[in-house]
Amino acid sequence: AAGVRAEEAVAAALAQIAEAARTGLGRMTQ
């Protein structure tokens, strides 16, 4: 159960990092 919760937390963090990277890349391109 703890492993599942940790994997879900990692997936959510990676999604946030990817979104931040896309936003940053778009701003840098602009």
PDB file of all heavy atoms in Angstrom:
ATOM      1  N   ALA A   1       0.832  -1.204   0.000  1.00  0.00           N
ATOM      2  CA  ALA A   1       0.000   0.000   0.000  1.00  0.00           C
ATOM      3  C   ALA A   1       0.869   1.256   0.000  1.00  0.00           C
ATOM      4  O   ALA A   1       0.604   2.227  -0.721  1.00  0.00           O
ATOM      5  CB  ALA A   1      -0.928  -0.013   1.219  1.00  0.00           C
ATOM      6  N   ALA A   2       1.936   1.228   0.827  1.00  0.00           N
ATOM      7  CA  ALA A   2       2.842   2.377   0.868  1.00  0.00           C
ATOM      8  C   ALA A   2       3.547   2.570  -0.470  1.00  0.00           C
ATOM      9  O   ALA A   2       3.750   3.695  -0.938  1.00  0.00           O
ATOM     10  CB  ALA A   2       3.867   2.192   1.990  1.00  0.00           C
ATOM     11  N   GLY A   3       3.921   1.447  -1.126  1.00  0.00           N
ATOM     12  CA  GLY A   3       4.579   1.536  -2.429  1.00  0.00           C
ATOM     13  C   GLY A   3       3.662   2.137  -3.484  1.00  0.00           C
ATOM     14  O   GLY A   3       4.088   2.957  -4.305  1.00  0.00           O
ATOM     15  N   VAL A   4       2.389   1.740  -3.458  1.00  0.00           N
ATOM     16  CA  VAL A   4       1.425   2.291  -4.413  1.00  0.00           C
ATOM     17  C   VAL A   4       1.281   3.794  -4.202  1.00  0.00           C
ATOM     18  O   VAL A   4       1.272   4.583  -5.156  1.00  0.00           O
ATOM     19  CB  VAL A   4       0.062   1.585  -4.275  1.00  0.00           C
ATOM     20  CG1 VAL A   4      -1.001   2.319  -5.083  1.00  0.00           C
ATOM     21  CG2 VAL A   4       0.179   0.140  -4.746  1.00  0.00           C
ATOM     22  N   ARG A   5       1.177   4.204  -2.932  1.00  0.00           N
ATOM     23  CA  ARG A   5       1.038   5.637  -2.652  1.00  0.00           C
ATOM     24  C   ARG A   5       2.294   6.402  -3.075  1.00  0.00           C
ATOM     25  O   ARG A   5       2.201   7.518  -3.599  1.00  0.00           O
ATOM     26  CB  ARG A   5       0.769   5.846  -1.163  1.00  0.00           C
ATOM     27  CG  ARG A   5      -0.629   5.427  -0.722  1.00  0.00           C
ATOM     28  CD  ARG A   5      -0.951   5.956   0.661  1.00  0.00           C
ATOM     29  NE  ARG A   5      -0.063   5.388   1.669  1.00  0.00           N
ATOM     30  CZ  ARG A   5      -0.315   4.276   2.334  1.00  0.00           C
ATOM     31  NH1 ARG A   5      -1.436   3.586   2.078  1.00  0.00           N
ATOM     32  NH2 ARG A   5       0.526   3.817   3.240  1.00  0.00           N
ATOM     33  N   ALA A   6       3.470   5.791  -2.856  1.00  0.00           N
ATOM     34  CA  ALA A   6       4.713   6.453  -3.258  1.00  0.00           C
ATOM     35  C   ALA A   6       4.789   6.596  -4.776  1.00  0.00           C
ATOM     36  O   ALA A   6       5.189   7.640  -5.301  1.00  0.00           O
ATOM     37  CB  ALA A   6       5.917   5.651  -2.742  1.00  0.00           C
ATOM     38  N   GLU A   7       4.388   5.535  -5.495  1.00  0.00           N
ATOM     39  CA  GLU A   7       4.391   5.602  -6.965  1.00  0.00           C
ATOM     40  C   GLU A   7       3.425   6.660  -7.461  1.00  0.00           C
ATOM     41  O   GLU A   7       3.718   7.396  -8.412  1.00  0.00           O
ATOM     42  CB  GLU A   7       4.028   4.242  -7.551  1.00  0.00           C
ATOM     43  CG  GLU A   7       5.120   3.183  -7.351  1.00  0.00           C
ATOM     44  CD  GLU A   7       4.685   1.830  -7.885  1.00  0.00           C
ATOM     45  OE1 GLU A   7       3.520   1.723  -8.336  1.00  0.00           O
ATOM     46  OE2 GLU A   7       5.500   0.890  -7.852  1.00  0.00           O
ATOM     47  N   GLU A   8       2.264   6.763  -6.839  1.00  0.00           N
ATOM     48  CA  GLU A   8       1.301   7.789  -7.230  1.00  0.00           C
ATOM     49  C   GLU A   8       1.864   9.185  -6.967  1.00  0.00           C
ATOM     50  O   GLU A   8       1.688  10.104  -7.777  1.00  0.00           O
ATOM     51  CB  GLU A   8      -0.008   7.593  -6.459  1.00  0.00           C
ATOM     52  CG  GLU A   8      -0.776   6.339  -6.870  1.00  0.00           C
ATOM     53  CD  GLU A   8      -1.995   6.111  -6.008  1.00  0.00           C
ATOM     54  OE1 GLU A   8      -2.115   6.802  -4.965  1.00  0.00           O
ATOM     55  OE2 GLU A   8      -2.830   5.254  -6.372  1.00  0.00           O
ATOM     56  N   ALA A   9       2.552   9.354  -5.833  1.00  0.00           N
ATOM     57  CA  ALA A   9       3.147  10.654  -5.519  1.00  0.00           C
ATOM     58  C   ALA A   9       4.244  11.016  -6.513  1.00  0.00           C
ATOM     59  O   ALA A   9       4.350  12.165  -6.973  1.00  0.00           O
ATOM     60  CB  ALA A   9       3.710  10.645  -4.096  1.00  0.00           C
ATOM     61  N   VAL A  10       5.072  10.009  -6.895  1.00  0.00           N
ATOM     62  CA  VAL A  10       6.135  10.252  -7.879  1.00  0.00           C
ATOM     63  C   VAL A  10       5.538  10.626  -9.235  1.00  0.00           C
ATOM     64  O   VAL A  10       6.011  11.550  -9.914  1.00  0.00           O
ATOM     65  CB  VAL A  10       7.037   9.009  -8.004  1.00  0.00           C
ATOM     66  CG1 VAL A  10       7.983   9.147  -9.200  1.00  0.00           C
ATOM     67  CG2 VAL A  10       7.835   8.807  -6.725  1.00  0.00           C
ATOM     68  N   ALA A  11       4.488   9.906  -9.639  1.00  0.00           N
ATOM     69  CA  ALA A  11       3.843  10.205 -10.928  1.00  0.00           C
ATOM     70  C   ALA A  11       3.274  11.619 -10.934  1.00  0.00           C
ATOM     71  O   ALA A  11       3.397  12.357 -11.923  1.00  0.00           O
ATOM     72  CB  ALA A  11       2.738   9.184 -11.206  1.00  0.00           C
ATOM     73  N   ALA A  12       2.652  12.018  -9.827  1.00  0.00           N
ATOM     74  CA  ALA A  12       2.092  13.374  -9.744  1.00  0.00           C
ATOM     75  C   ALA A  12       3.203  14.418  -9.794  1.00  0.00           C
ATOM     76  O   ALA A  12       3.082  15.448 -10.472  1.00  0.00           O
ATOM     77  CB  ALA A  12       1.277  13.519  -8.458  1.00  0.00           C
ATOM     78  N   ALA A  13       4.322  14.142  -9.091  1.00  0.00           N
ATOM     79  CA  ALA A  13       5.444  15.084  -9.107  1.00  0.00           C
ATOM     80  C   ALA A  13       6.054  15.208 -10.497  1.00  0.00           C
ATOM     81  O   ALA A  13       6.374  16.306 -10.965  1.00  0.00           O
ATOM     82  CB  ALA A  13       6.510  14.632  -8.100  1.00  0.00           C
ATOM     83  N   LEU A  14       6.197  14.066 -11.190  1.00  0.00           N
ATOM     84  CA  LEU A  14       6.731  14.097 -12.554  1.00  0.00           C
ATOM     85  C   LEU A  14       5.813  14.867 -13.494  1.00  0.00           C
ATOM     86  O   LEU A  14       6.286  15.596 -14.382  1.00  0.00           O
ATOM     87  CB  LEU A  14       6.928  12.667 -13.072  1.00  0.00           C
ATOM     88  CG  LEU A  14       8.072  11.876 -12.426  1.00  0.00           C
ATOM     89  CD1 LEU A  14       8.083  10.450 -12.946  1.00  0.00           C
ATOM     90  CD2 LEU A  14       9.413  12.542 -12.693  1.00  0.00           C
ATOM     91  N   ALA A  15       4.513  14.715 -13.320  1.00  0.00           N
ATOM     92  CA  ALA A  15       3.558  15.457 -14.150  1.00  0.00           C
ATOM     93  C   ALA A  15       3.700  16.956 -13.908  1.00  0.00           C
ATOM     94  O   ALA A  15       3.660  17.764 -14.853  1.00  0.00           O
ATOM     95  CB  ALA A  15       2.129  14.996 -13.843  1.00  0.00           C
ATOM     96  N   GLN A  16       3.876  17.345 -12.644  1.00  0.00           N
ATOM     97  CA  GLN A  16       4.057  18.758 -12.326  1.00  0.00           C
ATOM     98  C   GLN A  16       5.358  19.294 -12.913  1.00  0.00           C
ATOM     99  O   GLN A  16       5.402  20.413 -13.443  1.00  0.00           O
ATOM    100  CB  GLN A  16       4.031  18.961 -10.813  1.00  0.00           C
ATOM    101  CG  GLN A  16       2.676  18.700 -10.177  1.00  0.00           C
ATOM    102  CD  GLN A  16       2.718  18.854  -8.672  1.00  0.00           C
ATOM    103  OE1 GLN A  16       3.784  19.050  -8.089  1.00  0.00           O
ATOM    104  NE2 GLN A  16       1.560  18.754  -8.036  1.00  0.00           N
ATOM    105  N   ILE A  17       6.425  18.473 -12.838  1.00  0.00           N
ATOM    106  CA  ILE A  17       7.711  18.894 -13.408  1.00  0.00           C
ATOM    107  C   ILE A  17       7.597  19.065 -14.923  1.00  0.00           C
ATOM    108  O   ILE A  17       8.111  20.026 -15.504  1.00  0.00           O
ATOM    109  CB  ILE A  17       8.805  17.867 -13.052  1.00  0.00           C
ATOM    110  CG1 ILE A  17       9.077  17.899 -11.546  1.00  0.00           C
ATOM    111  CG2 ILE A  17      10.090  18.146 -13.833  1.00  0.00           C
ATOM    112  CD1 ILE A  17      10.002  16.789 -11.078  1.00  0.00           C
ATOM    113  N   ALA A  18       6.918  18.113 -15.577  1.00  0.00           N
ATOM    114  CA  ALA A  18       6.750  18.199 -17.038  1.00  0.00           C
ATOM    115  C   ALA A  18       5.967  19.439 -17.426  1.00  0.00           C
ATOM    116  O   ALA A  18       6.311  20.135 -18.394  1.00  0.00           O
ATOM    117  CB  ALA A  18       6.044  16.939 -17.548  1.00  0.00           C
ATOM    118  N   GLU A  19       4.914  19.740 -16.665  1.00  0.00           N
ATOM    119  CA  GLU A  19       4.110  20.929 -16.960  1.00  0.00           C
ATOM    120  C   GLU A  19       4.929  22.194 -16.759  1.00  0.00           C
ATOM    121  O   GLU A  19       4.864  23.128 -17.566  1.00  0.00           O
ATOM    122  CB  GLU A  19       2.869  20.947 -16.064  1.00  0.00           C
ATOM    123  CG  GLU A  19       1.943  22.133 -16.297  1.00  0.00           C
ATOM    124  CD  GLU A  19       1.395  22.173 -17.719  1.00  0.00           C
ATOM    125  OE1 GLU A  19       1.276  21.096 -18.345  1.00  0.00           O
ATOM    126  OE2 GLU A  19       1.105  23.273 -18.215  1.00  0.00           O
ATOM    127  N   ALA A  20       5.714  22.230 -15.685  1.00  0.00           N
ATOM    128  CA  ALA A  20       6.568  23.390 -15.436  1.00  0.00           C
ATOM    129  C   ALA A  20       7.609  23.550 -16.542  1.00  0.00           C
ATOM    130  O   ALA A  20       7.913  24.666 -16.982  1.00  0.00           O
ATOM    131  CB  ALA A  20       7.257  23.252 -14.078  1.00  0.00           C
ATOM    132  N   ALA A  21       8.147  22.421 -17.016  1.00  0.00           N
ATOM    133  CA  ALA A  21       9.136  22.472 -18.102  1.00  0.00           C
ATOM    134  C   ALA A  21       8.507  22.991 -19.386  1.00  0.00           C
ATOM    135  O   ALA A  21       9.109  23.805 -20.102  1.00  0.00           O
ATOM    136  CB  ALA A  21       9.730  21.078 -18.327  1.00  0.00           C
ATOM    137  N   ARG A  22       7.275  22.511 -19.686  1.00  0.00           N
ATOM    138  CA  ARG A  22       6.594  23.000 -20.890  1.00  0.00           C
ATOM    139  C   ARG A  22       6.328  24.499 -20.794  1.00  0.00           C
ATOM    140  O   ARG A  22       6.520  25.246 -21.758  1.00  0.00           O
ATOM    141  CB  ARG A  22       5.286  22.241 -21.102  1.00  0.00           C
ATOM    142  CG  ARG A  22       5.457  20.858 -21.715  1.00  0.00           C
ATOM    143  CD  ARG A  22       4.131  20.299 -22.190  1.00  0.00           C
ATOM    144  NE  ARG A  22       3.244  20.053 -21.058  1.00  0.00           N
ATOM    145  CZ  ARG A  22       3.161  18.907 -20.432  1.00  0.00           C
ATOM    146  NH1 ARG A  22       3.923  17.893 -20.798  1.00  0.00           N
ATOM    147  NH2 ARG A  22       2.319  18.742 -19.428  1.00  0.00           N
ATOM    148  N   THR A  23       5.894  24.936 -19.622  1.00  0.00           N
ATOM    149  CA  THR A  23       5.620  26.364 -19.441  1.00  0.00           C
ATOM    150  C   THR A  23       6.900  27.174 -19.584  1.00  0.00           C
ATOM    151  O   THR A  23       6.925  28.213 -20.253  1.00  0.00           O
ATOM    152  CB  THR A  23       4.991  26.601 -18.057  1.00  0.00           C
ATOM    153  OG1 THR A  23       3.786  25.832 -17.952  1.00  0.00           O
ATOM    154  CG2 THR A  23       4.670  28.065 -17.852  1.00  0.00           C
ATOM    155  N   GLY A  24       7.970  26.680 -18.944  1.00  0.00           N
ATOM    156  CA  GLY A  24       9.241  27.386 -19.034  1.00  0.00           C
ATOM    157  C   GLY A  24       9.790  27.428 -20.448  1.00  0.00           C
ATOM    158  O   GLY A  24      10.298  28.457 -20.904  1.00  0.00           O
ATOM    159  N   LEU A  25       9.666  26.306 -21.167  1.00  0.00           N
ATOM    160  CA  LEU A  25      10.144  26.252 -22.542  1.00  0.00           C
ATOM    161  C   LEU A  25       9.360  27.217 -23.428  1.00  0.00           C
ATOM    162  O   LEU A  25       9.929  27.905 -24.273  1.00  0.00           O
ATOM    163  CB  LEU A  25      10.019  24.825 -23.084  1.00  0.00           C
ATOM    164  CG  LEU A  25      10.479  24.613 -24.533  1.00  0.00           C
ATOM    165  CD1 LEU A  25      11.950  24.976 -24.679  1.00  0.00           C
ATOM    166  CD2 LEU A  25      10.247  23.175 -24.965  1.00  0.00           C
ATOM    167  N   GLY A  26       8.034  27.247 -23.207  1.00  0.00           N
ATOM    168  CA  GLY A  26       7.221  28.177 -23.996  1.00  0.00           C
ATOM    169  C   GLY A  26       7.614  29.620 -23.744  1.00  0.00           C
ATOM    170  O   GLY A  26       7.703  30.436 -24.670  1.00  0.00           O
ATOM    171  N   ARG A  27       7.880  29.953 -22.478  1.00  0.00           N
ATOM    172  CA  ARG A  27       8.279  31.320 -22.141  1.00  0.00           C
ATOM    173  C   ARG A  27       9.646  31.633 -22.723  1.00  0.00           C
ATOM    174  O   ARG A  27       9.880  32.743 -23.234  1.00  0.00           O
ATOM    175  CB  ARG A  27       8.290  31.485 -20.620  1.00  0.00           C
ATOM    176  CG  ARG A  27       8.683  32.895 -20.153  1.00  0.00           C
ATOM    177  CD  ARG A  27       7.780  33.942 -20.753  1.00  0.00           C
ATOM    178  NE  ARG A  27       8.192  35.278 -20.355  1.00  0.00           N
ATOM    179  CZ  ARG A  27       7.868  36.377 -21.007  1.00  0.00           C
ATOM    180  NH1 ARG A  27       7.129  36.306 -22.115  1.00  0.00           N
ATOM    181  NH2 ARG A  27       8.273  37.559 -20.577  1.00  0.00           N
ATOM    182  N   MET A  28      10.581  30.669 -22.650  1.00  0.00           N
ATOM    183  CA  MET A  28      11.908  30.892 -23.220  1.00  0.00           C
ATOM    184  C   MET A  28      11.832  31.091 -24.728  1.00  0.00           C
ATOM    185  O   MET A  28      12.521  31.946 -25.293  1.00  0.00           O
ATOM    186  CB  MET A  28      12.815  29.709 -22.898  1.00  0.00           C
ATOM    187  CG  MET A  28      13.231  29.640 -21.431  1.00  0.00           C
ATOM    188  SD  MET A  28      14.270  28.191 -21.088  1.00  0.00           S
ATOM    189  CE  MET A  28      15.675  28.515 -22.164  1.00  0.00           C
ATOM    190  N   THR A  29      10.973  30.309 -25.386  1.00  0.00           N
ATOM    191  CA  THR A  29      10.789  30.464 -26.833  1.00  0.00           C
ATOM    192  C   THR A  29      10.241  31.843 -27.164  1.00  0.00           C
ATOM    193  O   THR A  29      10.680  32.499 -28.115  1.00  0.00           O
ATOM    194  CB  THR A  29       9.829  29.376 -27.354  1.00  0.00           C
ATOM    195  OG1 THR A  29      10.367  28.086 -27.058  1.00  0.00           O
ATOM    196  CG2 THR A  29       9.642  29.509 -28.861  1.00  0.00           C
ATOM    197  N   GLN A  30       9.277  32.286 -26.346  1.00  0.00           N
ATOM    198  CA  GLN A  30       8.698  33.621 -26.566  1.00  0.00           C
ATOM    199  C   GLN A  30       9.747  34.713 -26.366  1.00  0.00           C
ATOM    200  O   GLN A  30       9.830  35.660 -27.157  1.00  0.00           O
ATOM    201  CB  GLN A  30       7.525  33.826 -25.609  1.00  0.00           C
ATOM    202  CG  GLN A  30       6.842  35.194 -25.765  1.00  0.00           C
ATOM    203  CD  GLN A  30       5.724  35.394 -24.756  1.00  0.00           C
ATOM    204  OE1 GLN A  30       5.409  34.497 -23.980  1.00  0.00           O
ATOM    205  NE2 GLN A  30       5.145  36.560 -24.760  1.00  0.00           N
TER     206      GLN A  30
END
